[in-house]
């Protein structure tokens, strides 16, 4: 899930920056990577008596999305 959300955010930001700048530079490569790393939900593992529970935690929401 983390990889999919990272890839979607990276590709979206990459295409937007390419459409705005129309040339390849460090800016058009690094900006999508930085945005995707900061905004993508992070993996979250909680230990319970019944075992480990895995989820994703996003910076814009306090709740953890369990799956």
PDB file of N, CA and C in Angstrom:
ATOM      1  N   UNK A   1       0.823  -1.201   0.000  1.00  0.00           N
ATOM      2  CA  UNK A   1       0.000   0.000   0.000  1.00  0.00           C
ATOM      3  C   UNK A   1       0.863   1.260   0.000  1.00  0.00           C
ATOM      4  N   UNK A   2       1.935   1.241   0.821  1.00  0.00           N
ATOM      5  CA  UNK A   2       2.812   2.408   0.860  1.00  0.00           C
ATOM      6  C   UNK A   2       3.455   2.632  -0.503  1.00  0.00           C
ATOM      7  N   UNK A   3       3.886   1.574  -1.136  1.00  0.00           N
ATOM      8  CA  UNK A   3       4.539   1.690  -2.439  1.00  0.00           C
ATOM      9  C   UNK A   3       3.585   2.220  -3.493  1.00  0.00           C
ATOM     10  N   UNK A   4       2.356   1.761  -3.467  1.00  0.00           N
ATOM     11  CA  UNK A   4       1.369   2.221  -4.441  1.00  0.00           C
ATOM     12  C   UNK A   4       1.059   3.701  -4.235  1.00  0.00           C
ATOM     13  N   UNK A   5       0.848   4.124  -2.990  1.00  0.00           N
ATOM     14  CA  UNK A   5       0.547   5.535  -2.740  1.00  0.00           C
ATOM     15  C   UNK A   5       1.750   6.412  -3.066  1.00  0.00           C
ATOM     16  N   UNK A   6       2.964   5.941  -2.764  1.00  0.00           N
ATOM     17  CA  UNK A   6       4.167   6.692  -3.110  1.00  0.00           C
ATOM     18  C   UNK A   6       4.277   6.848  -4.622  1.00  0.00           C
ATOM     19  N   UNK A   7       4.059   5.765  -5.355  1.00  0.00           N
ATOM     20  CA  UNK A   7       4.164   5.806  -6.811  1.00  0.00           C
ATOM     21  C   UNK A   7       3.126   6.733  -7.429  1.00  0.00           C
ATOM     22  N   UNK A   8       1.905   6.689  -6.938  1.00  0.00           N
ATOM     23  CA  UNK A   8       0.847   7.559  -7.467  1.00  0.00           C
ATOM     24  C   UNK A   8       1.184   9.030  -7.211  1.00  0.00           C
ATOM     25  N   UNK A   9       1.628   9.347  -6.008  1.00  0.00           N
ATOM     26  CA  UNK A   9       1.999  10.732  -5.701  1.00  0.00           C
ATOM     27  C   UNK A   9       3.207  11.178  -6.511  1.00  0.00           C
ATOM     28  N   UNK A  10       4.195  10.313  -6.654  1.00  0.00           N
ATOM     29  CA  UNK A  10       5.384  10.651  -7.434  1.00  0.00           C
ATOM     30  C   UNK A  10       5.032  10.914  -8.897  1.00  0.00           C
ATOM     31  N   UNK A  11       4.282  10.012  -9.503  1.00  0.00           N
ATOM     32  CA  UNK A  11       3.950  10.165 -10.924  1.00  0.00           C
ATOM     33  C   UNK A  11       3.077  11.390 -11.162  1.00  0.00           C
ATOM     34  N   UNK A  12       2.124  11.641 -10.281  1.00  0.00           N
ATOM     35  CA  UNK A  12       1.285  12.834 -10.433  1.00  0.00           C
ATOM     36  C   UNK A  12       2.092  14.110 -10.350  1.00  0.00           C
ATOM     37  N   UNK A  13       2.947  14.215  -9.355  1.00  0.00           N
ATOM     38  CA  UNK A  13       3.784  15.403  -9.200  1.00  0.00           C
ATOM     39  C   UNK A  13       4.785  15.514 -10.335  1.00  0.00           C
ATOM     40  N   UNK A  14       5.327  14.401 -10.796  1.00  0.00           N
ATOM     41  CA  UNK A  14       6.299  14.407 -11.890  1.00  0.00           C
ATOM     42  C   UNK A  14       5.676  14.947 -13.171  1.00  0.00           C
ATOM     43  N   UNK A  15       4.482  14.466 -13.513  1.00  0.00           N
ATOM     44  CA  UNK A  15       3.830  14.931 -14.732  1.00  0.00           C
ATOM     45  C   UNK A  15       3.418  16.397 -14.645  1.00  0.00           C
ATOM     46  N   UNK A  16       3.019  16.843 -13.465  1.00  0.00           N
ATOM     47  CA  UNK A  16       2.661  18.255 -13.292  1.00  0.00           C
ATOM     48  C   UNK A  16       3.888  19.143 -13.457  1.00  0.00           C
ATOM     49  N   UNK A  17       5.012  18.778 -12.844  1.00  0.00           N
ATOM     50  CA  UNK A  17       6.229  19.594 -12.978  1.00  0.00           C
ATOM     51  C   UNK A  17       6.768  19.562 -14.403  1.00  0.00           C
ATOM     52  N   UNK A  18       6.659  18.423 -15.091  1.00  0.00           N
ATOM     53  CA  UNK A  18       7.097  18.356 -16.492  1.00  0.00           C
ATOM     54  C   UNK A  18       6.217  19.221 -17.390  1.00  0.00           C
ATOM     55  N   UNK A  19       4.921  19.286 -17.086  1.00  0.00           N
ATOM     56  CA  UNK A  19       4.018  20.102 -17.888  1.00  0.00           C
ATOM     57  C   UNK A  19       4.278  21.589 -17.679  1.00  0.00           C
ATOM     58  N   UNK A  20       4.690  21.954 -16.481  1.00  0.00           N
ATOM     59  CA  UNK A  20       4.944  23.371 -16.181  1.00  0.00           C
ATOM     60  C   UNK A  20       6.295  23.822 -16.726  1.00  0.00           C
ATOM     61  N   UNK A  21       7.349  23.009 -16.573  1.00  0.00           N
ATOM     62  CA  UNK A  21       8.697  23.450 -16.922  1.00  0.00           C
ATOM     63  C   UNK A  21       9.133  23.087 -18.337  1.00  0.00           C
ATOM     64  N   UNK A  22       8.677  21.967 -18.889  1.00  0.00           N
ATOM     65  CA  UNK A  22       9.031  21.511 -20.237  1.00  0.00           C
ATOM     66  C   UNK A  22      10.511  21.255 -20.452  1.00  0.00           C
ATOM     67  N   UNK A  23      11.288  21.069 -19.407  1.00  0.00           N
ATOM     68  CA  UNK A  23      12.687  20.675 -19.573  1.00  0.00           C
ATOM     69  C   UNK A  23      13.115  19.812 -18.394  1.00  0.00           C
ATOM     70  N   UNK A  24      14.147  19.029 -18.615  1.00  0.00           N
ATOM     71  CA  UNK A  24      14.634  18.128 -17.575  1.00  0.00           C
ATOM     72  C   UNK A  24      15.732  18.824 -16.784  1.00  0.00           C
ATOM     73  N   UNK A  25      15.580  18.819 -15.478  1.00  0.00           N
ATOM     74  CA  UNK A  25      16.583  19.403 -14.596  1.00  0.00           C
ATOM     75  C   UNK A  25      16.517  18.687 -13.253  1.00  0.00           C
ATOM     76  N   UNK A  26      17.368  19.088 -12.339  1.00  0.00           N
ATOM     77  CA  UNK A  26      17.349  18.509 -10.994  1.00  0.00           C
ATOM     78  C   UNK A  26      16.021  18.846 -10.316  1.00  0.00           C
ATOM     79  N   UNK A  27      15.498  20.022 -10.567  1.00  0.00           N
ATOM     80  CA  UNK A  27      14.225  20.455  -9.981  1.00  0.00           C
ATOM     81  C   UNK A  27      13.086  19.531 -10.381  1.00  0.00           C
ATOM     82  N   UNK A  28      13.002  19.185 -11.663  1.00  0.00           N
ATOM     83  CA  UNK A  28      11.886  18.344 -12.124  1.00  0.00           C
ATOM     84  C   UNK A  28      12.015  16.902 -11.655  1.00  0.00           C
ATOM     85  N   UNK A  29      13.201  16.501 -11.221  1.00  0.00           N
ATOM     86  CA  UNK A  29      13.385  15.148 -10.709  1.00  0.00           C
ATOM     87  C   UNK A  29      13.255  15.083  -9.193  1.00  0.00           C
ATOM     88  N   UNK A  30      13.843  16.024  -8.484  1.00  0.00           N
ATOM     89  CA  UNK A  30      13.875  15.977  -7.025  1.00  0.00           C
ATOM     90  C   UNK A  30      12.562  16.425  -6.374  1.00  0.00           C
ATOM     91  N   UNK A  31      11.882  17.398  -6.953  1.00  0.00           N
ATOM     92  CA  UNK A  31      10.632  17.884  -6.363  1.00  0.00           C
ATOM     93  C   UNK A  31       9.587  16.780  -6.231  1.00  0.00           C
ATOM     94  N   UNK A  32       9.322  15.973  -7.262  1.00  0.00           N
ATOM     95  CA  UNK A  32       8.346  14.882  -7.081  1.00  0.00           C
ATOM     96  C   UNK A  32       8.765  13.854  -6.030  1.00  0.00           C
ATOM     97  N   UNK A  33      10.049  13.568  -5.928  1.00  0.00           N
ATOM     98  CA  UNK A  33      10.523  12.618  -4.925  1.00  0.00           C
ATOM     99  C   UNK A  33      10.293  13.162  -3.526  1.00  0.00           C
ATOM    100  N   UNK A  34      10.628  14.421  -3.305  1.00  0.00           N
ATOM    101  CA  UNK A  34      10.461  15.043  -1.988  1.00  0.00           C
ATOM    102  C   UNK A  34       8.985  15.114  -1.604  1.00  0.00           C
ATOM    103  N   UNK A  35       8.135  15.524  -2.535  1.00  0.00           N
ATOM    104  CA  UNK A  35       6.698  15.620  -2.256  1.00  0.00           C
ATOM    105  C   UNK A  35       6.126  14.238  -1.929  1.00  0.00           C
ATOM    106  N   UNK A  36       6.502  13.225  -2.685  1.00  0.00           N
ATOM    107  CA  UNK A  36       5.977  11.876  -2.455  1.00  0.00           C
ATOM    108  C   UNK A  36       6.446  11.319  -1.112  1.00  0.00           C
ATOM    109  N   UNK A  37       7.697  11.560  -0.730  1.00  0.00           N
ATOM    110  CA  UNK A  37       8.211  11.057   0.549  1.00  0.00           C
ATOM    111  C   UNK A  37       7.503  11.736   1.718  1.00  0.00           C
ATOM    112  N   UNK A  38       7.254  13.031   1.612  1.00  0.00           N
ATOM    113  CA  UNK A  38       6.635  13.774   2.714  1.00  0.00           C
ATOM    114  C   UNK A  38       5.147  13.470   2.829  1.00  0.00           C
ATOM    115  N   UNK A  39       4.437  13.391   1.717  1.00  0.00           N
ATOM    116  CA  UNK A  39       2.977  13.302   1.742  1.00  0.00           C
ATOM    117  C   UNK A  39       2.456  11.860   1.797  1.00  0.00           C
ATOM    118  N   UNK A  40       3.192  10.891   1.300  1.00  0.00           N
ATOM    119  CA  UNK A  40       2.707   9.498   1.268  1.00  0.00           C
ATOM    120  C   UNK A  40       2.494   8.963   2.683  1.00  0.00           C
ATOM    121  N   UNK A  41       1.458   8.157   2.888  1.00  0.00           N
ATOM    122  CA  UNK A  41       1.227   7.560   4.207  1.00  0.00           C
ATOM    123  C   UNK A  41       2.383   6.648   4.602  1.00  0.00           C
ATOM    124  N   UNK A  42       2.756   6.692   5.872  1.00  0.00           N
ATOM    125  CA  UNK A  42       3.881   5.897   6.383  1.00  0.00           C
ATOM    126  C   UNK A  42       3.370   4.602   6.997  1.00  0.00           C
ATOM    127  N   UNK A  43       4.147   3.522   6.864  1.00  0.00           N
ATOM    128  CA  UNK A  43       3.748   2.260   7.500  1.00  0.00           C
ATOM    129  C   UNK A  43       3.731   2.386   9.025  1.00  0.00           C
ATOM    130  N   UNK A  44       2.770   1.730   9.658  1.00  0.00           N
ATOM    131  CA  UNK A  44       2.623   1.773  11.113  1.00  0.00           C
ATOM    132  C   UNK A  44       2.352   0.353  11.605  1.00  0.00           C
ATOM    133  N   UNK A  45       3.138  -0.097  12.578  1.00  0.00           N
ATOM    134  CA  UNK A  45       2.975  -1.438  13.143  1.00  0.00           C
ATOM    135  C   UNK A  45       2.697  -1.292  14.633  1.00  0.00           C
ATOM    136  N   UNK A  46       1.648  -1.945  15.104  1.00  0.00           N
ATOM    137  CA  UNK A  46       1.302  -1.933  16.523  1.00  0.00           C
ATOM    138  C   UNK A  46       1.322  -3.362  17.044  1.00  0.00           C
ATOM    139  N   UNK A  47       1.871  -3.531  18.235  1.00  0.00           N
ATOM    140  CA  UNK A  47       1.951  -4.855  18.855  1.00  0.00           C
ATOM    141  C   UNK A  47       0.794  -5.016  19.832  1.00  0.00           C
ATOM    142  N   UNK A  48      -0.009  -6.051  19.632  1.00  0.00           N
ATOM    143  CA  UNK A  48      -1.117  -6.380  20.507  1.00  0.00           C
ATOM    144  C   UNK A  48      -0.902  -7.784  21.055  1.00  0.00           C
ATOM    145  N   UNK A  49      -1.720  -8.178  22.014  1.00  0.00           N
ATOM    146  CA  UNK A  49      -1.609  -9.519  22.573  1.00  0.00           C
ATOM    147  C   UNK A  49      -1.896 -10.588  21.514  1.00  0.00           C
ATOM    148  N   UNK A  50      -2.767 -10.261  20.589  1.00  0.00           N
ATOM    149  CA  UNK A  50      -3.119 -11.220  19.545  1.00  0.00           C
ATOM    150  C   UNK A  50      -2.111 -11.229  18.398  1.00  0.00           C
ATOM    151  N   UNK A  51      -1.152 -10.324  18.414  1.00  0.00           N
ATOM    152  CA  UNK A  51      -0.140 -10.276  17.357  1.00  0.00           C
ATOM    153  C   UNK A  51       0.067  -8.859  16.852  1.00  0.00           C
ATOM    154  N   UNK A  52       0.784  -8.760  15.773  1.00  0.00           N
ATOM    155  CA  UNK A  52       1.061  -7.456  15.179  1.00  0.00           C
ATOM    156  C   UNK A  52      -0.078  -7.037  14.265  1.00  0.00           C
ATOM    157  N   UNK A  53      -0.303  -5.745  14.221  1.00  0.00           N
ATOM    158  CA  UNK A  53      -1.321  -5.177  13.347  1.00  0.00           C
ATOM    159  C   UNK A  53      -0.663  -4.111  12.495  1.00  0.00           C
ATOM    160  N   UNK A  54      -0.906  -4.167  11.188  1.00  0.00           N
ATOM    161  CA  UNK A  54      -0.251  -3.274  10.248  1.00  0.00           C
ATOM    162  C   UNK A  54      -1.239  -2.257   9.698  1.00  0.00           C
ATOM    163  N   UNK A  55      -0.752  -1.035   9.496  1.00  0.00           N
ATOM    164  CA  UNK A  55      -1.590   0.016   8.961  1.00  0.00           C
ATOM    165  C   UNK A  55      -0.747   1.119   8.361  1.00  0.00           C
ATOM    166  N   UNK A  56      -1.427   2.171   7.926  1.00  0.00           N
ATOM    167  CA  UNK A  56      -0.769   3.339   7.353  1.00  0.00           C
ATOM    168  C   UNK A  56      -1.187   4.579   8.120  1.00  0.00           C
ATOM    169  N   UNK A  57      -0.247   5.473   8.363  1.00  0.00           N
ATOM    170  CA  UNK A  57      -0.529   6.716   9.071  1.00  0.00           C
ATOM    171  C   UNK A  57      -0.143   7.869   8.158  1.00  0.00           C
ATOM    172  N   UNK A  58      -1.070   8.810   8.005  1.00  0.00           N
ATOM    173  CA  UNK A  58      -0.894   9.928   7.099  1.00  0.00           C
ATOM    174  C   UNK A  58      -0.678  11.187   7.907  1.00  0.00           C
ATOM    175  N   UNK A  59       0.097  12.153   7.393  1.00  0.00           N
ATOM    176  CA  UNK A  59       0.404  13.365   8.146  1.00  0.00           C
ATOM    177  C   UNK A  59      -0.813  14.278   8.287  1.00  0.00           C
ATOM    178  N   UNK A  60      -1.820  14.125   7.430  1.00  0.00           N
ATOM    179  CA  UNK A  60      -2.995  14.995   7.480  1.00  0.00           C
ATOM    180  C   UNK A  60      -4.132  14.418   8.319  1.00  0.00           C
ATOM    181  N   UNK A  61      -3.950  13.220   8.852  1.00  0.00           N
ATOM    182  CA  UNK A  61      -4.998  12.568   9.619  1.00  0.00           C
ATOM    183  C   UNK A  61      -4.372  11.868  10.821  1.00  0.00           C
ATOM    184  N   UNK A  62      -4.986  11.971  11.982  1.00  0.00           N
ATOM    185  CA  UNK A  62      -4.435  11.364  13.195  1.00  0.00           C
ATOM    186  C   UNK A  62      -4.704   9.873  13.273  1.00  0.00           C
ATOM    187  N   UNK A  63      -5.769   9.414  12.657  1.00  0.00           N
ATOM    188  CA  UNK A  63      -6.136   7.991  12.713  1.00  0.00           C
ATOM    189  C   UNK A  63      -5.193   7.156  11.853  1.00  0.00           C
ATOM    190  N   UNK A  64      -5.067   5.894  12.235  1.00  0.00           N
ATOM    191  CA  UNK A  64      -4.284   4.934  11.461  1.00  0.00           C
ATOM    192  C   UNK A  64      -5.256   4.110  10.631  1.00  0.00           C
ATOM    193  N   UNK A  65      -4.951   3.897   9.354  1.00  0.00           N
ATOM    194  CA  UNK A  65      -5.762   3.061   8.487  1.00  0.00           C
ATOM    195  C   UNK A  65      -5.264   1.634   8.619  1.00  0.00           C
ATOM    196  N   UNK A  66      -6.019   0.803   9.319  1.00  0.00           N
ATOM    197  CA  UNK A  66      -5.617  -0.584   9.549  1.00  0.00           C
ATOM    198  C   UNK A  66      -6.078  -1.458   8.408  1.00  0.00           C
ATOM    199  N   UNK A  67      -5.291  -2.473   8.104  1.00  0.00           N
ATOM    200  CA  UNK A  67      -5.685  -3.459   7.122  1.00  0.00           C
ATOM    201  C   UNK A  67      -5.126  -4.802   7.489  1.00  0.00           C
TER     202      UNK A  67
END
